[in-house]
PDB file of N, CA and C in Angstrom:
ATOM      1  N   MET A   1      93.099 103.252  91.867  1.00  0.00           N
ATOM      2  CA  MET A   1      94.819 102.011  91.611  1.00  0.00           C
ATOM      3  C   MET A   1      96.277 103.075  92.348  1.00  0.00           C
ATOM      4  N   SER A   2      95.931 102.741  93.654  1.00  0.00           N
ATOM      5  CA  SER A   2      96.722 102.745  95.353  1.00  0.00           C
ATOM      6  C   SER A   2      98.335 103.655  94.711  1.00  0.00           C
ATOM      7  N   ILE A   3      99.049 104.953  94.795  1.00  0.00           N
ATOM      8  CA  ILE A   3     100.704 105.176  94.454  1.00  0.00           C
ATOM      9  C   ILE A   3     101.334 103.833  94.898  1.00  0.00           C
ATOM     10  N   GLU A   4     100.940 103.516  96.131  1.00  0.00           N
ATOM     11  CA  GLU A   4     101.731 101.742  96.549  1.00  0.00           C
ATOM     12  C   GLU A   4     101.996 101.111  95.723  1.00  0.00           C
ATOM     13  N   GLN A   5     100.745 100.756  94.333  1.00  0.00           N
ATOM     14  CA  GLN A   5     100.693  99.798  93.873  1.00  0.00           C
ATOM     15  C   GLN A   5     101.615 100.044  92.396  1.00  0.00           C
ATOM     16  N   ASP A   6     101.725 101.370  91.846  1.00  0.00           N
ATOM     17  CA  ASP A   6     102.511 102.083  90.601  1.00  0.00           C
ATOM     18  C   ASP A   6     103.966 102.104  90.750  1.00  0.00           C
ATOM     19  N   ASP A   7     104.163 102.309  92.471  1.00  0.00           N
ATOM     20  CA  ASP A   7     105.775 102.620  93.299  1.00  0.00           C
ATOM     21  C   ASP A   7     106.482 101.242  92.689  1.00  0.00           C
ATOM     22  N   SER A   8     105.544 100.204  92.318  1.00  0.00           N
ATOM     23  CA  SER A   8     106.791  99.012  92.581  1.00  0.00           C
ATOM     24  C   SER A   8     106.870  98.708  90.771  1.00  0.00           C
ATOM     25  N   LYS A   9     105.808  99.337  89.908  1.00  0.00           N
ATOM     26  CA  LYS A   9     106.938  99.438  88.638  1.00  0.00           C
ATOM     27  C   LYS A   9     107.811 100.839  88.561  1.00  0.00           C
ATOM     28  N   THR A  10     107.951 101.534  89.153  1.00  0.00           N
ATOM     29  CA  THR A  10     108.536 102.189  88.455  1.00  0.00           C
ATOM     30  C   THR A  10     109.572 102.855  89.471  1.00  0.00           C
ATOM     31  N   ALA A  11     111.164 103.448  89.345  1.00  0.00           N
ATOM     32  CA  ALA A  11     112.373 103.213  90.137  1.00  0.00           C
ATOM     33  C   ALA A  11     111.887 104.527  90.833  1.00  0.00           C
ATOM     34  N   LYS A  12     112.612 104.884  92.233  1.00  0.00           N
ATOM     35  CA  LYS A  12     112.306 106.282  92.555  1.00  0.00           C
ATOM     36  C   LYS A  12     113.241 106.670  92.306  1.00  0.00           C
ATOM     37  N   SER A  13     112.857 108.777  91.546  1.00  0.00           N
ATOM     38  CA  SER A  13     114.022 108.920  91.484  1.00  0.00           C
ATOM     39  C   SER A  13     113.687 110.570  92.426  1.00  0.00           C
ATOM     40  N   GLU A  14     112.702 110.043  93.148  1.00  0.00           N
ATOM     41  CA  GLU A  14     112.237 111.546  93.694  1.00  0.00           C
ATOM     42  C   GLU A  14     112.921 111.736  95.291  1.00  0.00           C
ATOM     43  N   ARG A  15     113.336 112.673  96.044  1.00  0.00           N
ATOM     44  CA  ARG A  15     114.186 112.781  97.151  1.00  0.00           C
ATOM     45  C   ARG A  15     113.149 113.642  98.022  1.00  0.00           C
ATOM     46  N   LEU A  16     112.731 113.137  99.364  1.00  0.00           N
ATOM     47  CA  LEU A  16     111.756 113.909 100.487  1.00  0.00           C
ATOM     48  C   LEU A  16     112.928 114.214 101.738  1.00  0.00           C
ATOM     49  N   SER A  17     113.121 115.011 102.300  1.00  0.00           N
ATOM     50  CA  SER A  17     113.709 115.478 103.271  1.00  0.00           C
ATOM     51  C   SER A  17     112.097 115.469 104.233  1.00  0.00           C
ATOM     52  N   LEU A  18     112.787 115.403 105.583  1.00  0.00           N
ATOM     53  CA  LEU A  18     112.157 115.955 106.527  1.00  0.00           C
ATOM     54  C   LEU A  18     112.985 115.737 107.939  1.00  0.00           C
ATOM     55  N   ARG A  19     112.079 116.347 109.080  1.00  0.00           N
ATOM     56  CA  ARG A  19     113.009 116.451 110.197  1.00  0.00           C
ATOM     57  C   ARG A  19     112.215 115.927 111.316  1.00  0.00           C
ATOM     58  N   ALA A  20     113.208 115.311 112.382  1.00  0.00           N
ATOM     59  CA  ALA A  20     112.342 114.770 113.244  1.00  0.00           C
ATOM     60  C   ALA A  20     112.915 114.243 114.803  1.00  0.00           C
ATOM     61  N   ASN A  21     112.013 114.938 115.695  1.00  0.00           N
ATOM     62  CA  ASN A  21     112.408 114.987 117.187  1.00  0.00           C
ATOM     63  C   ASN A  21     113.527 113.223 117.437  1.00  0.00           C
ATOM     64  N   PRO A  22     114.117 113.239 118.228  1.00  0.00           N
ATOM     65  CA  PRO A  22     114.410 112.184 118.508  1.00  0.00           C
ATOM     66  C   PRO A  22     113.534 110.575 119.338  1.00  0.00           C
ATOM     67  N   LYS A  23     112.700 110.921 120.116  1.00  0.00           N
ATOM     68  CA  LYS A  23     111.365 110.855 120.015  1.00  0.00           C
ATOM     69  C   LYS A  23     110.452 109.991 119.045  1.00  0.00           C
ATOM     70  N   GLN A  24     110.522 110.832 118.108  1.00  0.00           N
ATOM     71  CA  GLN A  24     109.484 110.666 116.751  1.00  0.00           C
ATOM     72  C   GLN A  24     110.797 109.373 115.828  1.00  0.00           C
ATOM     73  N   ARG A  25     112.234 109.494 115.985  1.00  0.00           N
ATOM     74  CA  ARG A  25     113.096 108.969 115.462  1.00  0.00           C
ATOM     75  C   ARG A  25     112.286 107.650 115.741  1.00  0.00           C
ATOM     76  N   THR A  26     112.732 107.409 117.481  1.00  0.00           N
ATOM     77  CA  THR A  26     112.725 106.384 117.624  1.00  0.00           C
ATOM     78  C   THR A  26     111.458 105.755 117.464  1.00  0.00           C
ATOM     79  N   LEU A  27     110.561 105.888 117.478  1.00  0.00           N
ATOM     80  CA  LEU A  27     108.987 105.675 117.486  1.00  0.00           C
ATOM     81  C   LEU A  27     109.274 105.138 116.202  1.00  0.00           C
ATOM     82  N   LEU A  28     109.257 106.025 114.821  1.00  0.00           N
ATOM     83  CA  LEU A  28     109.871 105.645 113.596  1.00  0.00           C
ATOM     84  C   LEU A  28     110.644 104.179 113.103  1.00  0.00           C
ATOM     85  N   LYS A  29     111.692 104.462 113.764  1.00  0.00           N
ATOM     86  CA  LYS A  29     112.716 103.566 113.789  1.00  0.00           C
ATOM     87  C   LYS A  29     111.998 101.878 114.589  1.00  0.00           C
ATOM     88  N   GLU A  30     111.872 101.614 115.647  1.00  0.00           N
ATOM     89  CA  GLU A  30     111.311 100.751 116.166  1.00  0.00           C
ATOM     90  C   GLU A  30     110.108 100.410 115.238  1.00  0.00           C
ATOM     91  N   ALA A  31     109.140 101.059 114.583  1.00  0.00           N
ATOM     92  CA  ALA A  31     107.853 100.708 113.524  1.00  0.00           C
ATOM     93  C   ALA A  31     108.086  99.854 112.660  1.00  0.00           C
ATOM     94  N   SER A  32     108.970 100.260 112.120  1.00  0.00           N
ATOM     95  CA  SER A  32     110.409  99.968 111.214  1.00  0.00           C
ATOM     96  C   SER A  32     110.929  98.262 111.346  1.00  0.00           C
ATOM     97  N   GLN A  33     111.177  98.083 112.493  1.00  0.00           N
ATOM     98  CA  GLN A  33     112.312  97.127 112.536  1.00  0.00           C
ATOM     99  C   GLN A  33     111.359  96.128 112.634  1.00  0.00           C
ATOM    100  N   VAL A  34     109.597  96.456 113.351  1.00  0.00           N
ATOM    101  CA  VAL A  34     108.758  95.506 113.694  1.00  0.00           C
ATOM    102  C   VAL A  34     107.758  95.056 112.142  1.00  0.00           C
ATOM    103  N   GLU A  35     107.911  96.206 111.379  1.00  0.00           N
ATOM    104  CA  GLU A  35     107.697  95.703 109.609  1.00  0.00           C
ATOM    105  C   GLU A  35     108.351  95.564 109.179  1.00  0.00           C
ATOM    106  N   GLY A  36     109.422  94.650 109.238  1.00  0.00           N
ATOM    107  CA  GLY A  36     110.968  94.504 108.424  1.00  0.00           C
ATOM    108  C   GLY A  36     111.128  95.061 107.517  1.00  0.00           C
ATOM    109  N   THR A  37     111.401  96.395 108.194  1.00  0.00           N
ATOM    110  CA  THR A  37     111.607  97.460 106.268  1.00  0.00           C
ATOM    111  C   THR A  37     112.697  98.695 107.297  1.00  0.00           C
ATOM    112  N   THR A  38     112.785  99.468 106.102  1.00  0.00           N
ATOM    113  CA  THR A  38     114.051 100.937 106.167  1.00  0.00           C
ATOM    114  C   THR A  38     113.203 101.589 107.009  1.00  0.00           C
ATOM    115  N   VAL A  39     113.723 102.839 107.969  1.00  0.00           N
ATOM    116  CA  VAL A  39     112.617 103.769 108.493  1.00  0.00           C
ATOM    117  C   VAL A  39     112.412 104.569 106.639  1.00  0.00           C
ATOM    118  N   SER A  40     112.915 104.741 106.154  1.00  0.00           N
ATOM    119  CA  SER A  40     112.361 105.478 105.086  1.00  0.00           C
ATOM    120  C   SER A  40     111.100 104.415 104.075  1.00  0.00           C
ATOM    121  N   ASP A  41     111.433 103.572 104.003  1.00  0.00           N
ATOM    122  CA  ASP A  41     110.095 102.723 103.102  1.00  0.00           C
ATOM    123  C   ASP A  41     109.350 102.995 103.968  1.00  0.00           C
ATOM    124  N   PHE A  42     108.953 102.430 105.686  1.00  0.00           N
ATOM    125  CA  PHE A  42     108.249 102.239 106.106  1.00  0.00           C
ATOM    126  C   PHE A  42     107.410 104.103 106.495  1.00  0.00           C
ATOM    127  N   VAL A  43     108.535 105.213 106.488  1.00  0.00           N
ATOM    128  CA  VAL A  43     107.338 106.621 106.448  1.00  0.00           C
ATOM    129  C   VAL A  43     107.118 106.554 105.130  1.00  0.00           C
ATOM    130  N   LEU A  44     107.646 106.462 103.657  1.00  0.00           N
ATOM    131  CA  LEU A  44     106.750 106.256 102.590  1.00  0.00           C
ATOM    132  C   LEU A  44     105.677 106.136 102.397  1.00  0.00           C
ATOM    133  N   ARG A  45     105.818 104.915 102.867  1.00  0.00           N
ATOM    134  CA  ARG A  45     104.158 104.285 102.886  1.00  0.00           C
ATOM    135  C   ARG A  45     103.663 103.909 103.130  1.00  0.00           C
ATOM    136  N   SER A  46     104.061 104.511 104.760  1.00  0.00           N
ATOM    137  CA  SER A  46     103.149 105.416 105.746  1.00  0.00           C
ATOM    138  C   SER A  46     102.202 106.538 105.200  1.00  0.00           C
ATOM    139  N   ALA A  47     103.433 107.026 104.956  1.00  0.00           N
ATOM    140  CA  ALA A  47     102.674 109.197 104.672  1.00  0.00           C
ATOM    141  C   ALA A  47     101.617 108.722 103.206  1.00  0.00           C
ATOM    142  N   THR A  48     102.430 107.683 102.324  1.00  0.00           N
ATOM    143  CA  THR A  48     101.276 107.199 101.026  1.00  0.00           C
ATOM    144  C   THR A  48      99.802 107.116 101.302  1.00  0.00           C
ATOM    145  N   ARG A  49      99.845 106.324 102.654  1.00  0.00           N
ATOM    146  CA  ARG A  49      98.364 105.608 102.454  1.00  0.00           C
ATOM    147  C   ARG A  49      98.106 107.096 103.730  1.00  0.00           C
ATOM    148  N   ALA A  50      97.851 107.967 104.319  1.00  0.00           N
ATOM    149  CA  ALA A  50      97.893 108.342 104.368  1.00  0.00           C
ATOM    150  C   ALA A  50      97.356 109.607 103.426  1.00  0.00           C
ATOM    151  N   ALA A  51      98.236 109.543 103.084  1.00  0.00           N
ATOM    152  CA  ALA A  51      97.276 110.941 101.972  1.00  0.00           C
ATOM    153  C   ALA A  51      97.253 110.085 100.902  1.00  0.00           C
ATOM    154  N   GLU A  52      96.278 109.430 100.540  1.00  0.00           N
ATOM    155  CA  GLU A  52      95.605 108.460  99.998  1.00  0.00           C
ATOM    156  C   GLU A  52      94.440 108.291 100.437  1.00  0.00           C
ATOM    157  N   ASP A  53      94.455 108.152 101.927  1.00  0.00           N
ATOM    158  CA  ASP A  53      92.926 108.022 102.907  1.00  0.00           C
ATOM    159  C   ASP A  53      92.475 109.347 102.743  1.00  0.00           C
ATOM    160  N   VAL A  54      93.023 110.715 102.615  1.00  0.00           N
ATOM    161  CA  VAL A  54      92.938 112.431 102.522  1.00  0.00           C
ATOM    162  C   VAL A  54      92.384 112.362 101.487  1.00  0.00           C
ATOM    163  N   LEU A  55      92.716 111.899  99.899  1.00  0.00           N
ATOM    164  CA  LEU A  55      92.572 112.151  99.036  1.00  0.00           C
ATOM    165  C   LEU A  55      90.631 111.499  98.356  1.00  0.00           C
ATOM    166  N   ALA A  56      91.067 110.562  98.769  1.00  0.00           N
ATOM    167  CA  ALA A  56      90.036 109.304  98.875  1.00  0.00           C
ATOM    168  C   ALA A  56      88.538 109.359  98.295  1.00  0.00           C
ATOM    169  N   ASP A  57      87.968 109.795  99.019  1.00  0.00           N
ATOM    170  CA  ASP A  57      86.343 110.799  98.608  1.00  0.00           C
ATOM    171  C   ASP A  57      86.303 112.294  97.783  1.00  0.00           C
ATOM    172  N   ARG A  58      87.615 112.660  97.858  1.00  0.00           N
ATOM    173  CA  ARG A  58      87.326 113.798  96.926  1.00  0.00           C
ATOM    174  C   ARG A  58      87.883 113.676  95.569  1.00  0.00           C
ATOM    175  N   ARG A  59      88.643 112.430  94.939  1.00  0.00           N
ATOM    176  CA  ARG A  59      88.613 112.376  94.050  1.00  0.00           C
ATOM    177  C   ARG A  59      87.497 111.098  93.004  1.00  0.00           C
ATOM    178  N   SER A  60      87.133 110.302  93.601  1.00  0.00           N
ATOM    179  CA  SER A  60      86.569 109.556  92.970  1.00  0.00           C
ATOM    180  C   SER A  60      85.199 109.284  93.529  1.00  0.00           C
ATOM    181  N   PHE A  61      84.161 109.447  93.149  1.00  0.00           N
ATOM    182  CA  PHE A  61      82.643 108.597  93.723  1.00  0.00           C
ATOM    183  C   PHE A  61      82.386 107.988  92.953  1.00  0.00           C
ATOM    184  N   VAL A  62      81.979 106.986  92.971  1.00  0.00           N
ATOM    185  CA  VAL A  62      81.553 105.421  93.014  1.00  0.00           C
ATOM    186  C   VAL A  62      80.465 104.845  92.907  1.00  0.00           C
ATOM    187  N   LEU A  63      79.479 104.901  91.969  1.00  0.00           N
ATOM    188  CA  LEU A  63      78.228 104.344  92.484  1.00  0.00           C
ATOM    189  C   LEU A  63      77.340 103.238  91.453  1.00  0.00           C
ATOM    190  N   SER A  64      76.370 101.909  92.179  1.00  0.00           N
ATOM    191  CA  SER A  64      75.969 102.052  90.910  1.00  0.00           C
ATOM    192  C   SER A  64      75.121 102.646  90.522  1.00  0.00           C
ATOM    193  N   GLU A  65      74.701 102.013  88.912  1.00  0.00           N
ATOM    194  CA  GLU A  65      73.511 102.674  87.789  1.00  0.00           C
ATOM    195  C   GLU A  65      72.401 102.827  89.155  1.00  0.00           C
ATOM    196  N   ASP A  66      71.740 101.771  89.967  1.00  0.00           N
ATOM    197  CA  ASP A  66      70.950 102.460  90.960  1.00  0.00           C
ATOM    198  C   ASP A  66      70.497 103.226  91.562  1.00  0.00           C
ATOM    199  N   ARG A  67      72.056 103.436  92.363  1.00  0.00           N
ATOM    200  CA  ARG A  67      72.202 104.462  93.293  1.00  0.00           C
ATOM    201  C   ARG A  67      72.958 105.846  93.181  1.00  0.00           C
ATOM    202  N   TRP A  68      73.422 105.833  91.758  1.00  0.00           N
ATOM    203  CA  TRP A  68      73.447 106.650  90.788  1.00  0.00           C
ATOM    204  C   TRP A  68      72.259 108.207  90.751  1.00  0.00           C
ATOM    205  N   LYS A  69      71.114 107.114  90.389  1.00  0.00           N
ATOM    206  CA  LYS A  69      70.025 107.777  89.172  1.00  0.00           C
ATOM    207  C   LYS A  69      69.500 108.296  90.747  1.00  0.00           C
ATOM    208  N   ALA A  70      69.851 107.660  92.082  1.00  0.00           N
ATOM    209  CA  ALA A  70      68.504 107.837  93.340  1.00  0.00           C
ATOM    210  C   ALA A  70      69.348 108.948  93.834  1.00  0.00           C
ATOM    211  N   PHE A  71      70.793 109.290  93.994  1.00  0.00           N
ATOM    212  CA  PHE A  71      71.532 110.234  94.027  1.00  0.00           C
ATOM    213  C   PHE A  71      71.403 111.311  93.252  1.00  0.00           C
ATOM    214  N   ILE A  72      70.563 111.584  91.718  1.00  0.00           N
ATOM    215  CA  ILE A  72      70.574 112.397  91.008  1.00  0.00           C
ATOM    216  C   ILE A  72      69.125 113.370  91.641  1.00  0.00           C
ATOM    217  N   ASP A  73      68.782 112.107  91.684  1.00  0.00           N
ATOM    218  CA  ASP A  73      66.934 112.148  91.793  1.00  0.00           C
ATOM    219  C   ASP A  73      66.925 113.013  93.400  1.00  0.00           C
ATOM    220  N   ILE A  74      67.982 112.980  94.206  1.00  0.00           N
ATOM    221  CA  ILE A  74      68.063 113.774  95.438  1.00  0.00           C
ATOM    222  C   ILE A  74      68.517 114.848  94.600  1.00  0.00           C
ATOM    223  N   LEU A  75      69.666 115.140  94.520  1.00  0.00           N
ATOM    224  CA  LEU A  75      70.350 116.549  94.023  1.00  0.00           C
ATOM    225  C   LEU A  75      69.292 117.233  93.336  1.00  0.00           C
ATOM    226  N   ASP A  76      68.296 116.749  91.853  1.00  0.00           N
ATOM    227  CA  ASP A  76      67.272 117.280  92.009  1.00  0.00           C
ATOM    228  C   ASP A  76      66.353 117.895  92.868  1.00  0.00           C
ATOM    229  N   ARG A  77      65.991 117.488  93.492  1.00  0.00           N
ATOM    230  CA  ARG A  77      64.531 118.315  94.761  1.00  0.00           C
ATOM    231  C   ARG A  77      64.926 119.083  94.510  1.00  0.00           C
ATOM    232  N   PRO A  78      63.534 120.029  94.511  1.00  0.00           N
ATOM    233  CA  PRO A  78      63.524 121.628  95.528  1.00  0.00           C
ATOM    234  C   PRO A  78      64.240 121.493  96.983  1.00  0.00           C
ATOM    235  N   ALA A  79      65.061 123.154  97.060  1.00  0.00           N
ATOM    236  CA  ALA A  79      65.251 123.228  97.847  1.00  0.00           C
ATOM    237  C   ALA A  79      63.854 122.979  99.061  1.00  0.00           C
ATOM    238  N   GLN A  80      64.399 122.581 100.111  1.00  0.00           N
ATOM    239  CA  GLN A  80      62.638 122.953 101.468  1.00  0.00           C
ATOM    240  C   GLN A  80      63.145 123.686 102.442  1.00  0.00           C
ATOM    241  N   GLU A  81      62.503 124.896 103.293  1.00  0.00           N
ATOM    242  CA  GLU A  81      62.919 124.844 104.413  1.00  0.00           C
ATOM    243  C   GLU A  81      62.833 124.111 105.373  1.00  0.00           C
ATOM    244  N   LEU A  82      63.349 123.712 106.791  1.00  0.00           N
ATOM    245  CA  LEU A  82      64.079 123.222 107.260  1.00  0.00           C
ATOM    246  C   LEU A  82      63.669 124.104 108.357  1.00  0.00           C
ATOM    247  N   PRO A  83      62.501 124.389 109.573  1.00  0.00           N
ATOM    248  CA  PRO A  83      62.528 124.838 110.246  1.00  0.00           C
ATOM    249  C   PRO A  83      63.628 124.433 111.580  1.00  0.00           C
ATOM    250  N   ARG A  84      63.995 123.268 112.300  1.00  0.00           N
ATOM    251  CA  ARG A  84      64.236 123.261 112.900  1.00  0.00           C
ATOM    252  C   ARG A  84      65.725 123.453 112.921  1.00  0.00           C
ATOM    253  N   LEU A  85      66.509 123.174 111.508  1.00  0.00           N
ATOM    254  CA  LEU A  85      67.661 123.185 111.231  1.00  0.00           C
ATOM    255  C   LEU A  85      67.990 124.776 111.491  1.00  0.00           C
ATOM    256  N   ARG A  86      67.530 125.776 110.589  1.00  0.00           N
ATOM    257  CA  ARG A  86      67.440 126.993 110.704  1.00  0.00           C
ATOM    258  C   ARG A  86      67.255 127.661 112.484  1.00  0.00           C
ATOM    259  N   LYS A  87      66.592 127.152 113.252  1.00  0.00           N
ATOM    260  CA  LYS A  87      66.951 127.778 114.472  1.00  0.00           C
ATOM    261  C   LYS A  87      68.076 127.343 115.117  1.00  0.00           C
ATOM    262  N   LEU A  88      68.252 125.826 115.213  1.00  0.00           N
ATOM    263  CA  LEU A  88      69.698 125.435 115.529  1.00  0.00           C
ATOM    264  C   LEU A  88      71.601 126.441 115.043  1.00  0.00           C
ATOM    265  N   LEU A  89      70.699 126.051 113.588  1.00  0.00           N
ATOM    266  CA  LEU A  89      71.897 127.381 112.817  1.00  0.00           C
ATOM    267  C   LEU A  89      72.294 128.595 113.229  1.00  0.00           C
ATOM    268  N   GLU A  90      70.618 129.498 113.860  1.00  0.00           N
ATOM    269  CA  GLU A  90      70.944 130.799 114.026  1.00  0.00           C
ATOM    270  C   GLU A  90      71.133 130.675 115.489  1.00  0.00           C
ATOM    271  N   ALA A  91      71.008 129.926 116.180  1.00  0.00           N
ATOM    272  CA  ALA A  91      71.046 129.861 117.903  1.00  0.00           C
ATOM    273  C   ALA A  91      72.706 130.276 117.888  1.00  0.00           C
ATOM    274  N   SER A  92      72.816 131.649 119.275  1.00  0.00           N
ATOM    275  CA  SER A  92      74.075 131.441 119.788  1.00  0.00           C
ATOM    276  C   SER A  92      74.701 130.203 120.005  1.00  0.00           C
ATOM    277  N   ASN A  93      76.335 130.479 119.887  1.00  0.00           N
ATOM    278  CA  ASN A  93      76.799 129.361 120.103  1.00  0.00           C
ATOM    279  C   ASN A  93      78.199 129.217 120.918  1.00  0.00           C
ATOM    280  N   VAL A  94      79.101 128.660 121.771  1.00  0.00           N
ATOM    281  CA  VAL A  94      80.507 128.950 122.500  1.00  0.00           C
ATOM    282  C   VAL A  94      81.274 129.649 121.473  1.00  0.00           C
ATOM    283  N   LEU A  95      81.289 129.511 119.805  1.00  0.00           N
ATOM    284  CA  LEU A  95      82.064 130.034 118.897  1.00  0.00           C
ATOM    285  C   LEU A  95      81.617 131.738 118.318  1.00  0.00           C
ATOM    286  N   ASP A  96      80.384 131.861 118.816  1.00  0.00           N
ATOM    287  CA  ASP A  96      80.356 133.521 119.032  1.00  0.00           C
ATOM    288  C   ASP A  96      81.244 134.681 119.712  1.00  0.00           C
ATOM    289  N   GLU A  97      81.160 135.401 119.057  1.00  0.00           N
ATOM    290  CA  GLU A  97      81.725 136.293 120.141  1.00  0.00           C
ATOM    291  C   GLU A  97      81.214 136.803 120.913  1.00  0.00           C
ATOM    292  N   GLU A  98      81.363 137.382 122.057  1.00  0.00           N
ATOM    293  CA  GLU A  98      80.705 137.866 123.016  1.00  0.00           C
ATOM    294  C   GLU A  98      80.335 139.578 122.255  1.00  0.00           C
TER     295      GLU A  98
END
């Protein structure tokens, strides 16, 4: 269940504050007008959606029973040496200090 769905059932009682430069404020105002909402509602809805996206793959992991079994089987496999991967990881790269 998303936060947006919960929001319709409870009154808003918490206040968030943020600062924006004039260009950001204008952009948010124009976007909220296009969607027919207030800047506050637009920002809250957009930020909530972004937060849900960030947390989605960290909160739940849903698989069918068959796929869950296959996943567990893969996790239970003994580790194996992958020479080409080891070579890649040991090779110097642009992030290495000189």
